Amino acid sequence: LRHIERCRLLLHVVDISCFEGRDPVEDVKNINAELEKYSPELA
């Protein structure tokens, strides 16, 4: 997580094909929740 602290822009990649049965909406929510916990500024 420390390695994205300097990044100016985040490309949030999701698997839109849902090939592995993932829900892209939930994936985006969960990853952003982790960013918020680690650093509100990063989120």
PDB file of all heavy atoms in Angstrom:
ATOM      1  N   LEU A   1       0.830  -1.212   0.000  1.00  0.00           N
ATOM      2  CA  LEU A   1       0.000   0.000   0.000  1.00  0.00           C
ATOM      3  C   LEU A   1       0.860   1.255   0.000  1.00  0.00           C
ATOM      4  O   LEU A   1       0.482   2.279  -0.566  1.00  0.00           O
ATOM      5  CB  LEU A   1      -0.941   0.001   1.206  1.00  0.00           C
ATOM      6  CG  LEU A   1      -2.221  -0.825   1.043  1.00  0.00           C
ATOM      7  CD1 LEU A   1      -2.924  -1.012   2.382  1.00  0.00           C
ATOM      8  CD2 LEU A   1      -3.159  -0.167   0.048  1.00  0.00           C
ATOM      9  N   ARG A   2       2.039   1.179   0.631  1.00  0.00           N
ATOM     10  CA  ARG A   2       2.897   2.368   0.677  1.00  0.00           C
ATOM     11  C   ARG A   2       3.347   2.807  -0.709  1.00  0.00           C
ATOM     12  O   ARG A   2       3.669   3.969  -0.929  1.00  0.00           O
ATOM     13  CB  ARG A   2       4.130   2.133   1.556  1.00  0.00           C
ATOM     14  CG  ARG A   2       5.120   1.121   1.019  1.00  0.00           C
ATOM     15  CD  ARG A   2       6.438   1.161   1.795  1.00  0.00           C
ATOM     16  NE  ARG A   2       6.240   0.822   3.180  1.00  0.00           N
ATOM     17  CZ  ARG A   2       6.352  -0.419   3.655  1.00  0.00           C
ATOM     18  NH1 ARG A   2       6.641  -1.406   2.841  1.00  0.00           N
ATOM     19  NH2 ARG A   2       6.170  -0.670   4.927  1.00  0.00           N
ATOM     20  N   HIS A   3       3.347   1.881  -1.665  1.00  0.00           N
ATOM     21  CA  HIS A   3       3.886   2.214  -2.982  1.00  0.00           C
ATOM     22  C   HIS A   3       2.905   2.984  -3.863  1.00  0.00           C
ATOM     23  O   HIS A   3       3.275   3.413  -4.962  1.00  0.00           O
ATOM     24  CB  HIS A   3       4.356   0.947  -3.692  1.00  0.00           C
ATOM     25  CG  HIS A   3       5.523   0.313  -3.007  1.00  0.00           C
ATOM     26  ND1 HIS A   3       6.743   0.947  -2.880  1.00  0.00           N
ATOM     27  CD2 HIS A   3       5.646  -0.864  -2.358  1.00  0.00           C
ATOM     28  CE1 HIS A   3       7.570   0.173  -2.196  1.00  0.00           C
ATOM     29  NE2 HIS A   3       6.921  -0.925  -1.865  1.00  0.00           N
ATOM     30  N   ILE A   4       1.668   3.152  -3.413  1.00  0.00           N
ATOM     31  CA  ILE A   4       0.758   3.989  -4.200  1.00  0.00           C
ATOM     32  C   ILE A   4       0.547   5.340  -3.533  1.00  0.00           C
ATOM     33  O   ILE A   4      -0.230   6.159  -4.009  1.00  0.00           O
ATOM     34  CB  ILE A   4      -0.601   3.292  -4.434  1.00  0.00           C
ATOM     35  CG1 ILE A   4      -1.247   2.874  -3.118  1.00  0.00           C
ATOM     36  CG2 ILE A   4      -0.445   2.109  -5.362  1.00  0.00           C
ATOM     37  CD1 ILE A   4      -2.616   2.255  -3.306  1.00  0.00           C
ATOM     38  N   GLU A   5       1.268   5.596  -2.413  1.00  0.00           N
ATOM     39  CA  GLU A   5       1.065   6.858  -1.700  1.00  0.00           C
ATOM     40  C   GLU A   5       1.517   8.065  -2.505  1.00  0.00           C
ATOM     41  O   GLU A   5       1.020   9.172  -2.314  1.00  0.00           O
ATOM     42  CB  GLU A   5       1.787   6.812  -0.352  1.00  0.00           C
ATOM     43  CG  GLU A   5       1.109   5.882   0.640  1.00  0.00           C
ATOM     44  CD  GLU A   5       1.636   6.080   2.042  1.00  0.00           C
ATOM     45  OE1 GLU A   5       1.586   7.208   2.537  1.00  0.00           O
ATOM     46  OE2 GLU A   5       2.092   5.096   2.634  1.00  0.00           O
ATOM     47  N   ARG A   6       2.496   7.882  -3.395  1.00  0.00           N
ATOM     48  CA  ARG A   6       2.970   9.011  -4.193  1.00  0.00           C
ATOM     49  C   ARG A   6       2.177   9.166  -5.499  1.00  0.00           C
ATOM     50  O   ARG A   6       2.292  10.190  -6.162  1.00  0.00           O
ATOM     51  CB  ARG A   6       4.441   8.817  -4.553  1.00  0.00           C
ATOM     52  CG  ARG A   6       5.422   8.907  -3.402  1.00  0.00           C
ATOM     53  CD  ARG A   6       6.816   8.914  -3.991  1.00  0.00           C
ATOM     54  NE  ARG A   6       7.853   8.605  -3.047  1.00  0.00           N
ATOM     55  CZ  ARG A   6       8.588   9.509  -2.410  1.00  0.00           C
ATOM     56  NH1 ARG A   6       8.350  10.774  -2.609  1.00  0.00           N
ATOM     57  NH2 ARG A   6       9.546   9.133  -1.586  1.00  0.00           N
ATOM     58  N   CYS A   7       1.440   8.135  -5.900  1.00  0.00           N
ATOM     59  CA  CYS A   7       0.756   8.166  -7.200  1.00  0.00           C
ATOM     60  C   CYS A   7      -0.249   9.310  -7.260  1.00  0.00           C
ATOM     61  O   CYS A   7      -1.019   9.537  -6.333  1.00  0.00           O
ATOM     62  CB  CYS A   7       0.051   6.839  -7.459  1.00  0.00           C
ATOM     63  SG  CYS A   7       1.182   5.434  -7.644  1.00  0.00           S
ATOM     64  N   ARG A   8      -0.260   9.989  -8.396  1.00  0.00           N
ATOM     65  CA  ARG A   8      -1.185  11.106  -8.572  1.00  0.00           C
ATOM     66  C   ARG A   8      -2.549  10.649  -9.050  1.00  0.00           C
ATOM     67  O   ARG A   8      -3.553  11.336  -8.849  1.00  0.00           O
ATOM     68  CB  ARG A   8      -0.593  12.095  -9.578  1.00  0.00           C
ATOM     69  CG  ARG A   8       0.740  12.678  -9.133  1.00  0.00           C
ATOM     70  CD  ARG A   8       1.140  13.816 -10.031  1.00  0.00           C
ATOM     71  NE  ARG A   8       1.636  13.356 -11.327  1.00  0.00           N
ATOM     72  CZ  ARG A   8       1.563  14.058 -12.451  1.00  0.00           C
ATOM     73  NH1 ARG A   8       0.987  15.247 -12.443  1.00  0.00           N
ATOM     74  NH2 ARG A   8       2.047  13.582 -13.568  1.00  0.00           N
ATOM     75  N   LEU A   9      -2.592   9.499  -9.694  1.00  0.00           N
ATOM     76  CA  LEU A   9      -3.820   8.992 -10.276  1.00  0.00           C
ATOM     77  C   LEU A   9      -3.845   7.477 -10.113  1.00  0.00           C
ATOM     78  O   LEU A   9      -2.818   6.812 -10.296  1.00  0.00           O
ATOM     79  CB  LEU A   9      -3.881   9.356 -11.767  1.00  0.00           C
ATOM     80  CG  LEU A   9      -5.069   8.846 -12.581  1.00  0.00           C
ATOM     81  CD1 LEU A   9      -6.367   9.485 -12.084  1.00  0.00           C
ATOM     82  CD2 LEU A   9      -4.851   9.140 -14.064  1.00  0.00           C
ATOM     83  N   LEU A  10      -4.998   6.935  -9.742  1.00  0.00           N
ATOM     84  CA  LEU A  10      -5.148   5.488  -9.583  1.00  0.00           C
ATOM     85  C   LEU A  10      -6.003   4.935 -10.713  1.00  0.00           C
ATOM     86  O   LEU A  10      -7.080   5.470 -11.010  1.00  0.00           O
ATOM     87  CB  LEU A  10      -5.797   5.160  -8.234  1.00  0.00           C
ATOM     88  CG  LEU A  10      -5.062   5.668  -6.977  1.00  0.00           C
ATOM     89  CD1 LEU A  10      -5.831   5.279  -5.726  1.00  0.00           C
ATOM     90  CD2 LEU A  10      -3.639   5.134  -6.928  1.00  0.00           C
ATOM     91  N   LEU A  11      -5.509   3.878 -11.350  1.00  0.00           N
ATOM     92  CA  LEU A  11      -6.305   3.130 -12.316  1.00  0.00           C
ATOM     93  C   LEU A  11      -6.846   1.908 -11.593  1.00  0.00           C
ATOM     94  O   LEU A  11      -6.085   1.003 -11.239  1.00  0.00           O
ATOM     95  CB  LEU A  11      -5.457   2.711 -13.523  1.00  0.00           C
ATOM     96  CG  LEU A  11      -4.878   3.836 -14.384  1.00  0.00           C
ATOM     97  CD1 LEU A  11      -4.191   3.270 -15.614  1.00  0.00           C
ATOM     98  CD2 LEU A  11      -5.951   4.838 -14.790  1.00  0.00           C
ATOM     99  N   HIS A  12      -8.132   1.930 -11.323  1.00  0.00           N
ATOM    100  CA  HIS A  12      -8.775   0.857 -10.556  1.00  0.00           C
ATOM    101  C   HIS A  12      -9.255  -0.201 -11.544  1.00  0.00           C
ATOM    102  O   HIS A  12     -10.258  -0.031 -12.232  1.00  0.00           O
ATOM    103  CB  HIS A  12      -9.939   1.421  -9.750  1.00  0.00           C
ATOM    104  CG  HIS A  12     -10.348   0.544  -8.626  1.00  0.00           C
ATOM    105  ND1 HIS A  12     -10.774   1.034  -7.411  1.00  0.00           N
ATOM    106  CD2 HIS A  12     -10.389  -0.814  -8.515  1.00  0.00           C
ATOM    107  CE1 HIS A  12     -11.060   0.014  -6.616  1.00  0.00           C
ATOM    108  NE2 HIS A  12     -10.844  -1.105  -7.267  1.00  0.00           N
ATOM    109  N   VAL A  13      -8.520  -1.298 -11.612  1.00  0.00           N
ATOM    110  CA  VAL A  13      -8.780  -2.329 -12.613  1.00  0.00           C
ATOM    111  C   VAL A  13      -9.760  -3.366 -12.065  1.00  0.00           C
ATOM    112  O   VAL A  13      -9.579  -3.879 -10.951  1.00  0.00           O
ATOM    113  CB  VAL A  13      -7.472  -3.015 -13.045  1.00  0.00           C
ATOM    114  CG1 VAL A  13      -7.728  -3.993 -14.196  1.00  0.00           C
ATOM    115  CG2 VAL A  13      -6.427  -1.970 -13.463  1.00  0.00           C
ATOM    116  N   VAL A  14     -10.793  -3.665 -12.852  1.00  0.00           N
ATOM    117  CA  VAL A  14     -11.750  -4.715 -12.489  1.00  0.00           C
ATOM    118  C   VAL A  14     -11.893  -5.674 -13.663  1.00  0.00           C
ATOM    119  O   VAL A  14     -11.642  -5.314 -14.821  1.00  0.00           O
ATOM    120  CB  VAL A  14     -13.139  -4.138 -12.131  1.00  0.00           C
ATOM    121  CG1 VAL A  14     -13.064  -3.247 -10.910  1.00  0.00           C
ATOM    122  CG2 VAL A  14     -13.730  -3.380 -13.311  1.00  0.00           C
ATOM    123  N   ASP A  15     -12.290  -6.898 -13.352  1.00  0.00           N
ATOM    124  CA  ASP A  15     -12.552  -7.910 -14.381  1.00  0.00           C
ATOM    125  C   ASP A  15     -14.022  -7.807 -14.760  1.00  0.00           C
ATOM    126  O   ASP A  15     -14.896  -8.370 -14.100  1.00  0.00           O
ATOM    127  CB  ASP A  15     -12.215  -9.294 -13.825  1.00  0.00           C
ATOM    128  CG  ASP A  15     -12.508 -10.408 -14.823  1.00  0.00           C
ATOM    129  OD1 ASP A  15     -12.966 -10.099 -15.945  1.00  0.00           O
ATOM    130  OD2 ASP A  15     -12.302 -11.587 -14.468  1.00  0.00           O
ATOM    131  N   ILE A  16     -14.295  -7.076 -15.839  1.00  0.00           N
ATOM    132  CA  ILE A  16     -15.684  -6.840 -16.234  1.00  0.00           C
ATOM    133  C   ILE A  16     -16.334  -8.090 -16.807  1.00  0.00           C
ATOM    134  O   ILE A  16     -17.566  -8.196 -16.877  1.00  0.00           O
ATOM    135  CB  ILE A  16     -15.771  -5.666 -17.242  1.00  0.00           C
ATOM    136  CG1 ILE A  16     -17.209  -5.140 -17.356  1.00  0.00           C
ATOM    137  CG2 ILE A  16     -15.220  -6.094 -18.594  1.00  0.00           C
ATOM    138  CD1 ILE A  16     -17.760  -4.574 -16.076  1.00  0.00           C
ATOM    139  N   SER A  17     -15.526  -9.083 -17.185  1.00  0.00           N
ATOM    140  CA  SER A  17     -16.104 -10.319 -17.720  1.00  0.00           C
ATOM    141  C   SER A  17     -16.699 -11.190 -16.617  1.00  0.00           C
ATOM    142  O   SER A  17     -17.487 -12.096 -16.902  1.00  0.00           O
ATOM    143  CB  SER A  17     -15.037 -11.120 -18.480  1.00  0.00           C
ATOM    144  OG  SER A  17     -14.109 -11.720 -17.567  1.00  0.00           O
ATOM    145  N   CYS A  18     -16.294 -10.911 -15.360  1.00  0.00           N
ATOM    146  CA  CYS A  18     -16.763 -11.697 -14.210  1.00  0.00           C
ATOM    147  C   CYS A  18     -16.489 -13.183 -14.414  1.00  0.00           C
ATOM    148  O   CYS A  18     -17.267 -14.049 -13.967  1.00  0.00           O
ATOM    149  CB  CYS A  18     -18.254 -11.473 -13.951  1.00  0.00           C
ATOM    150  SG  CYS A  18     -18.687  -9.748 -13.652  1.00  0.00           S
ATOM    151  N   PHE A  19     -15.382 -13.484 -15.084  1.00  0.00           N
ATOM    152  CA  PHE A  19     -15.047 -14.871 -15.421  1.00  0.00           C
ATOM    153  C   PHE A  19     -14.918 -15.744 -14.176  1.00  0.00           C
ATOM    154  O   PHE A  19     -15.295 -16.916 -14.183  1.00  0.00           O
ATOM    155  CB  PHE A  19     -13.745 -14.901 -16.230  1.00  0.00           C
ATOM    156  CG  PHE A  19     -13.292 -16.284 -16.600  1.00  0.00           C
ATOM    157  CD1 PHE A  19     -13.944 -16.980 -17.618  1.00  0.00           C
ATOM    158  CD2 PHE A  19     -12.232 -16.900 -15.939  1.00  0.00           C
ATOM    159  CE1 PHE A  19     -13.528 -18.266 -17.970  1.00  0.00           C
ATOM    160  CE2 PHE A  19     -11.832 -18.173 -16.288  1.00  0.00           C
ATOM    161  CZ  PHE A  19     -12.473 -18.861 -17.308  1.00  0.00           C
ATOM    162  N   GLU A  20     -14.397 -15.160 -13.083  1.00  0.00           N
ATOM    163  CA  GLU A  20     -14.220 -15.930 -11.857  1.00  0.00           C
ATOM    164  C   GLU A  20     -15.394 -15.765 -10.891  1.00  0.00           C
ATOM    165  O   GLU A  20     -15.301 -16.106  -9.714  1.00  0.00           O
ATOM    166  CB  GLU A  20     -12.915 -15.532 -11.156  1.00  0.00           C
ATOM    167  CG  GLU A  20     -11.674 -15.861 -11.974  1.00  0.00           C
ATOM    168  CD  GLU A  20     -10.395 -15.582 -11.206  1.00  0.00           C
ATOM    169  OE1 GLU A  20     -10.485 -15.008 -10.095  1.00  0.00           O
ATOM    170  OE2 GLU A  20      -9.316 -15.949 -11.693  1.00  0.00           O
ATOM    171  N   GLY A  21     -16.478 -15.198 -11.399  1.00  0.00           N
ATOM    172  CA  GLY A  21     -17.664 -15.050 -10.562  1.00  0.00           C
ATOM    173  C   GLY A  21     -17.616 -13.860  -9.628  1.00  0.00           C
ATOM    174  O   GLY A  21     -18.431 -13.756  -8.696  1.00  0.00           O
ATOM    175  N   ARG A  22     -16.693 -12.933  -9.857  1.00  0.00           N
ATOM    176  CA  ARG A  22     -16.566 -11.766  -9.000  1.00  0.00           C
ATOM    177  C   ARG A  22     -17.609 -10.723  -9.382  1.00  0.00           C
ATOM    178  O   ARG A  22     -18.034 -10.637 -10.543  1.00  0.00           O
ATOM    179  CB  ARG A  22     -15.170 -11.155  -9.090  1.00  0.00           C
ATOM    180  CG  ARG A  22     -14.026 -12.119  -8.811  1.00  0.00           C
ATOM    181  CD  ARG A  22     -12.762 -11.352  -8.481  1.00  0.00           C
ATOM    182  NE  ARG A  22     -12.953 -10.595  -7.247  1.00  0.00           N
ATOM    183  CZ  ARG A  22     -12.695 -11.096  -6.035  1.00  0.00           C
ATOM    184  NH1 ARG A  22     -12.293 -12.333  -5.908  1.00  0.00           N
ATOM    185  NH2 ARG A  22     -12.887 -10.359  -4.963  1.00  0.00           N
ATOM    186  N   ASP A  23     -17.986  -9.908  -8.423  1.00  0.00           N
ATOM    187  CA  ASP A  23     -18.910  -8.792  -8.658  1.00  0.00           C
ATOM    188  C   ASP A  23     -18.076  -7.517  -8.712  1.00  0.00           C
ATOM    189  O   ASP A  23     -17.508  -7.090  -7.698  1.00  0.00           O
ATOM    190  CB  ASP A  23     -19.935  -8.707  -7.522  1.00  0.00           C
ATOM    191  CG  ASP A  23     -20.919  -7.556  -7.719  1.00  0.00           C
ATOM    192  OD1 ASP A  23     -20.702  -6.730  -8.624  1.00  0.00           O
ATOM    193  OD2 ASP A  23     -21.887  -7.473  -6.936  1.00  0.00           O
ATOM    194  N   PRO A  24     -17.948  -6.866  -9.877  1.00  0.00           N
ATOM    195  CA  PRO A  24     -17.080  -5.680  -9.987  1.00  0.00           C
ATOM    196  C   PRO A  24     -17.498  -4.547  -9.061  1.00  0.00           C
ATOM    197  O   PRO A  24     -16.641  -3.786  -8.590  1.00  0.00           O
ATOM    198  CB  PRO A  24     -17.189  -5.288 -11.458  1.00  0.00           C
ATOM    199  CG  PRO A  24     -18.397  -5.977 -11.981  1.00  0.00           C
ATOM    200  CD  PRO A  24     -18.563  -7.219 -11.168  1.00  0.00           C
ATOM    201  N   VAL A  25     -18.796  -4.410  -8.784  1.00  0.00           N
ATOM    202  CA  VAL A  25     -19.254  -3.360  -7.861  1.00  0.00           C
ATOM    203  C   VAL A  25     -18.690  -3.604  -6.469  1.00  0.00           C
ATOM    204  O   VAL A  25     -18.136  -2.696  -5.823  1.00  0.00           O
ATOM    205  CB  VAL A  25     -20.793  -3.293  -7.815  1.00  0.00           C
ATOM    206  CG1 VAL A  25     -21.246  -2.342  -6.703  1.00  0.00           C
ATOM    207  CG2 VAL A  25     -21.347  -2.844  -9.150  1.00  0.00           C
ATOM    208  N   GLU A  26     -18.816  -4.836  -5.997  1.00  0.00           N
ATOM    209  CA  GLU A  26     -18.301  -5.170  -4.666  1.00  0.00           C
ATOM    210  C   GLU A  26     -16.777  -5.064  -4.621  1.00  0.00           C
ATOM    211  O   GLU A  26     -16.198  -4.649  -3.614  1.00  0.00           O
ATOM    212  CB  GLU A  26     -18.751  -6.573  -4.264  1.00  0.00           C
ATOM    213  CG  GLU A  26     -20.224  -6.680  -3.959  1.00  0.00           C
ATOM    214  CD  GLU A  26     -20.650  -5.718  -2.850  1.00  0.00           C
ATOM    215  OE1 GLU A  26     -19.956  -5.663  -1.812  1.00  0.00           O
ATOM    216  OE2 GLU A  26     -21.658  -4.999  -3.046  1.00  0.00           O
ATOM    217  N   ASP A  27     -16.128  -5.452  -5.716  1.00  0.00           N
ATOM    218  CA  ASP A  27     -14.665  -5.359  -5.757  1.00  0.00           C
ATOM    219  C   ASP A  27     -14.195  -3.918  -5.574  1.00  0.00           C
ATOM    220  O   ASP A  27     -13.283  -3.622  -4.795  1.00  0.00           O
ATOM    221  CB  ASP A  27     -14.132  -5.900  -7.086  1.00  0.00           C
ATOM    222  CG  ASP A  27     -14.120  -7.424  -7.124  1.00  0.00           C
ATOM    223  OD1 ASP A  27     -14.542  -8.037  -6.123  1.00  0.00           O
ATOM    224  OD2 ASP A  27     -13.682  -7.990  -8.147  1.00  0.00           O
ATOM    225  N   VAL A  28     -14.832  -2.991  -6.288  1.00  0.00           N
ATOM    226  CA  VAL A  28     -14.446  -1.579  -6.188  1.00  0.00           C
ATOM    227  C   VAL A  28     -14.721  -1.055  -4.783  1.00  0.00           C
ATOM    228  O   VAL A  28     -13.886  -0.351  -4.189  1.00  0.00           O
ATOM    229  CB  VAL A  28     -15.188  -0.732  -7.239  1.00  0.00           C
ATOM    230  CG1 VAL A  28     -14.934   0.756  -7.000  1.00  0.00           C
ATOM    231  CG2 VAL A  28     -14.742  -1.111  -8.644  1.00  0.00           C
ATOM    232  N   LYS A  29     -15.861  -1.408  -4.230  1.00  0.00           N
ATOM    233  CA  LYS A  29     -16.196  -0.963  -2.868  1.00  0.00           C
ATOM    234  C   LYS A  29     -15.184  -1.477  -1.859  1.00  0.00           C
ATOM    235  O   LYS A  29     -14.714  -0.725  -0.983  1.00  0.00           O
ATOM    236  CB  LYS A  29     -17.597  -1.449  -2.484  1.00  0.00           C
ATOM    237  CG  LYS A  29     -18.745  -0.721  -3.153  1.00  0.00           C
ATOM    238  CD  LYS A  29     -20.076  -1.277  -2.663  1.00  0.00           C
ATOM    239  CE  LYS A  29     -21.267  -0.545  -3.286  1.00  0.00           C
ATOM    240  NZ  LYS A  29     -22.562  -1.123  -2.817  1.00  0.00           N
ATOM    241  N   ASN A  30     -14.839  -2.754  -1.965  1.00  0.00           N
ATOM    242  CA  ASN A  30     -13.934  -3.360  -0.981  1.00  0.00           C
ATOM    243  C   ASN A  30     -12.522  -2.788  -1.067  1.00  0.00           C
ATOM    244  O   ASN A  30     -11.892  -2.500  -0.042  1.00  0.00           O
ATOM    245  CB  ASN A  30     -13.891  -4.878  -1.174  1.00  0.00           C
ATOM    246  CG  ASN A  30     -15.207  -5.543  -0.814  1.00  0.00           C
ATOM    247  OD1 ASN A  30     -16.011  -4.978  -0.069  1.00  0.00           O
ATOM    248  ND2 ASN A  30     -15.436  -6.741  -1.332  1.00  0.00           N
ATOM    249  N   ILE A  31     -12.019  -2.614  -2.286  1.00  0.00           N
ATOM    250  CA  ILE A  31     -10.660  -2.068  -2.437  1.00  0.00           C
ATOM    251  C   ILE A  31     -10.607  -0.640  -1.916  1.00  0.00           C
ATOM    252  O   ILE A  31      -9.668  -0.243  -1.200  1.00  0.00           O
ATOM    253  CB  ILE A  31     -10.213  -2.127  -3.908  1.00  0.00           C
ATOM    254  CG1 ILE A  31     -10.023  -3.575  -4.355  1.00  0.00           C
ATOM    255  CG2 ILE A  31      -8.912  -1.343  -4.094  1.00  0.00           C
ATOM    256  CD1 ILE A  31      -8.944  -4.327  -3.613  1.00  0.00           C
ATOM    257  N   ASN A  32     -11.627   0.155  -2.214  1.00  0.00           N
ATOM    258  CA  ASN A  32     -11.639   1.537  -1.720  1.00  0.00           C
ATOM    259  C   ASN A  32     -11.789   1.595  -0.204  1.00  0.00           C
ATOM    260  O   ASN A  32     -11.272   2.517   0.446  1.00  0.00           O
ATOM    261  CB  ASN A  32     -12.760   2.332  -2.394  1.00  0.00           C
ATOM    262  CG  ASN A  32     -12.370   2.788  -3.791  1.00  0.00           C
ATOM    263  OD1 ASN A  32     -11.199   2.970  -4.070  1.00  0.00           O
ATOM    264  ND2 ASN A  32     -13.341   2.969  -4.669  1.00  0.00           N
ATOM    265  N   ALA A  33     -12.488   0.624   0.360  1.00  0.00           N
ATOM    266  CA  ALA A  33     -12.590   0.556   1.823  1.00  0.00           C
ATOM    267  C   ALA A  33     -11.223   0.288   2.437  1.00  0.00           C
ATOM    268  O   ALA A  33     -10.872   0.862   3.489  1.00  0.00           O
ATOM    269  CB  ALA A  33     -13.580  -0.524   2.235  1.00  0.00           C
ATOM    270  N   GLU A  34     -10.410  -0.552   1.796  1.00  0.00           N
ATOM    271  CA  GLU A  34      -9.058  -0.823   2.295  1.00  0.00           C
ATOM    272  C   GLU A  34      -8.182   0.427   2.190  1.00  0.00           C
ATOM    273  O   GLU A  34      -7.393   0.726   3.088  1.00  0.00           O
ATOM    274  CB  GLU A  34      -8.420  -1.979   1.514  1.00  0.00           C
ATOM    275  CG  GLU A  34      -9.082  -3.328   1.734  1.00  0.00           C
ATOM    276  CD  GLU A  34      -9.074  -3.752   3.188  1.00  0.00           C
ATOM    277  OE1 GLU A  34      -8.092  -3.461   3.895  1.00  0.00           O
ATOM    278  OE2 GLU A  34     -10.068  -4.373   3.627  1.00  0.00           O
ATOM    279  N   LEU A  35      -8.330   1.156   1.096  1.00  0.00           N
ATOM    280  CA  LEU A  35      -7.573   2.398   0.950  1.00  0.00           C
ATOM    281  C   LEU A  35      -7.961   3.394   2.031  1.00  0.00           C
ATOM    282  O   LEU A  35      -7.100   4.076   2.601  1.00  0.00           O
ATOM    283  CB  LEU A  35      -7.826   3.020  -0.432  1.00  0.00           C
ATOM    284  CG  LEU A  35      -7.330   2.250  -1.657  1.00  0.00           C
ATOM    285  CD1 LEU A  35      -7.652   3.032  -2.924  1.00  0.00           C
ATOM    286  CD2 LEU A  35      -5.837   1.979  -1.572  1.00  0.00           C
ATOM    287  N   GLU A  36      -9.246   3.507   2.328  1.00  0.00           N
ATOM    288  CA  GLU A  36      -9.735   4.430   3.354  1.00  0.00           C
ATOM    289  C   GLU A  36      -9.174   4.085   4.717  1.00  0.00           C
ATOM    290  O   GLU A  36      -8.771   4.957   5.500  1.00  0.00           O
ATOM    291  CB  GLU A  36     -11.262   4.407   3.381  1.00  0.00           C
ATOM    292  CG  GLU A  36     -11.887   5.308   4.424  1.00  0.00           C
ATOM    293  CD  GLU A  36     -11.753   6.784   4.101  1.00  0.00           C
ATOM    294  OE1 GLU A  36     -11.806   7.135   2.906  1.00  0.00           O
ATOM    295  OE2 GLU A  36     -11.594   7.584   5.040  1.00  0.00           O
ATOM    296  N   LYS A  37      -9.110   2.795   5.040  1.00  0.00           N
ATOM    297  CA  LYS A  37      -8.567   2.357   6.330  1.00  0.00           C
ATOM    298  C   LYS A  37      -7.077   2.679   6.435  1.00  0.00           C
ATOM    299  O   LYS A  37      -6.587   3.083   7.479  1.00  0.00           O
ATOM    300  CB  LYS A  37      -8.774   0.855   6.517  1.00  0.00           C
ATOM    301  CG  LYS A  37     -10.220   0.422   6.691  1.00  0.00           C
ATOM    302  CD  LYS A  37     -10.296  -1.101   6.769  1.00  0.00           C
ATOM    303  CE  LYS A  37     -11.732  -1.589   6.763  1.00  0.00           C
ATOM    304  NZ  LYS A  37     -11.808  -3.073   6.704  1.00  0.00           N
ATOM    305  N   TYR A  38      -6.374   2.486   5.343  1.00  0.00           N
ATOM    306  CA  TYR A  38      -4.927   2.697   5.357  1.00  0.00           C
ATOM    307  C   TYR A  38      -4.590   4.183   5.378  1.00  0.00           C
ATOM    308  O   TYR A  38      -3.737   4.634   6.143  1.00  0.00           O
ATOM    309  CB  TYR A  38      -4.291   2.036   4.139  1.00  0.00           C
ATOM    310  CG  TYR A  38      -2.793   2.210   4.054  1.00  0.00           C
ATOM    311  CD1 TYR A  38      -1.936   1.483   4.863  1.00  0.00           C
ATOM    312  CD2 TYR A  38      -2.232   3.117   3.151  1.00  0.00           C
ATOM    313  CE1 TYR A  38      -0.566   1.637   4.785  1.00  0.00           C
ATOM    314  CE2 TYR A  38      -0.860   3.280   3.061  1.00  0.00           C
ATOM    315  CZ  TYR A  38      -0.033   2.540   3.890  1.00  0.00           C
ATOM    316  OH  TYR A  38       1.317   2.707   3.814  1.00  0.00           O
ATOM    317  N   SER A  39      -5.300   4.959   4.536  1.00  0.00           N
ATOM    318  CA  SER A  39      -5.013   6.395   4.440  1.00  0.00           C
ATOM    319  C   SER A  39      -6.202   7.106   3.804  1.00  0.00           C
ATOM    320  O   SER A  39      -6.435   6.969   2.595  1.00  0.00           O
ATOM    321  CB  SER A  39      -3.759   6.638   3.592  1.00  0.00           C
ATOM    322  OG  SER A  39      -3.631   8.001   3.253  1.00  0.00           O
ATOM    323  N   PRO A  40      -6.961   7.875   4.586  1.00  0.00           N
ATOM    324  CA  PRO A  40      -8.087   8.631   4.012  1.00  0.00           C
ATOM    325  C   PRO A  40      -7.663   9.540   2.868  1.00  0.00           C
ATOM    326  O   PRO A  40      -8.407   9.728   1.905  1.00  0.00           O
ATOM    327  CB  PRO A  40      -8.604   9.439   5.211  1.00  0.00           C
ATOM    328  CG  PRO A  40      -8.216   8.626   6.411  1.00  0.00           C
ATOM    329  CD  PRO A  40      -6.894   8.014   6.053  1.00  0.00           C
ATOM    330  N   GLU A  41      -6.462  10.078   2.969  1.00  0.00           N
ATOM    331  CA  GLU A  41      -5.970  10.944   1.893  1.00  0.00           C
ATOM    332  C   GLU A  41      -5.778  10.143   0.608  1.00  0.00           C
ATOM    333  O   GLU A  41      -6.108  10.607  -0.484  1.00  0.00           O
ATOM    334  CB  GLU A  41      -4.641  11.584   2.307  1.00  0.00           C
ATOM    335  CG  GLU A  41      -4.060  12.503   1.244  1.00  0.00           C
ATOM    336  CD  GLU A  41      -2.704  13.067   1.624  1.00  0.00           C
ATOM    337  OE1 GLU A  41      -2.295  12.887   2.796  1.00  0.00           O
ATOM    338  OE2 GLU A  41      -2.066  13.664   0.757  1.00  0.00           O
ATOM    339  N   LEU A  42      -5.266   8.928   0.757  1.00  0.00           N
ATOM    340  CA  LEU A  42      -5.065   8.077  -0.411  1.00  0.00           C
ATOM    341  C   LEU A  42      -6.393   7.704  -1.051  1.00  0.00           C
ATOM    342  O   LEU A  42      -6.517   7.621  -2.281  1.00  0.00           O
ATOM    343  CB  LEU A  42      -4.304   6.816   0.008  1.00  0.00           C
ATOM    344  CG  LEU A  42      -3.862   5.859  -1.094  1.00  0.00           C
ATOM    345  CD1 LEU A  42      -2.959   6.578  -2.086  1.00  0.00           C
ATOM    346  CD2 LEU A  42      -3.156   4.656  -0.489  1.00  0.00           C
ATOM    347  N   ALA A  43      -7.408   7.489  -0.237  1.00  0.00           N
ATOM    348  CA  ALA A  43      -8.730   7.114  -0.758  1.00  0.00           C
ATOM    349  C   ALA A  43      -9.354   8.239  -1.583  1.00  0.00           C
ATOM    350  O   ALA A  43     -10.232   7.989  -2.417  1.00  0.00           O
ATOM    351  CB  ALA A  43      -9.653   6.730   0.394  1.00  0.00           C
TER     352      ALA A  43
END
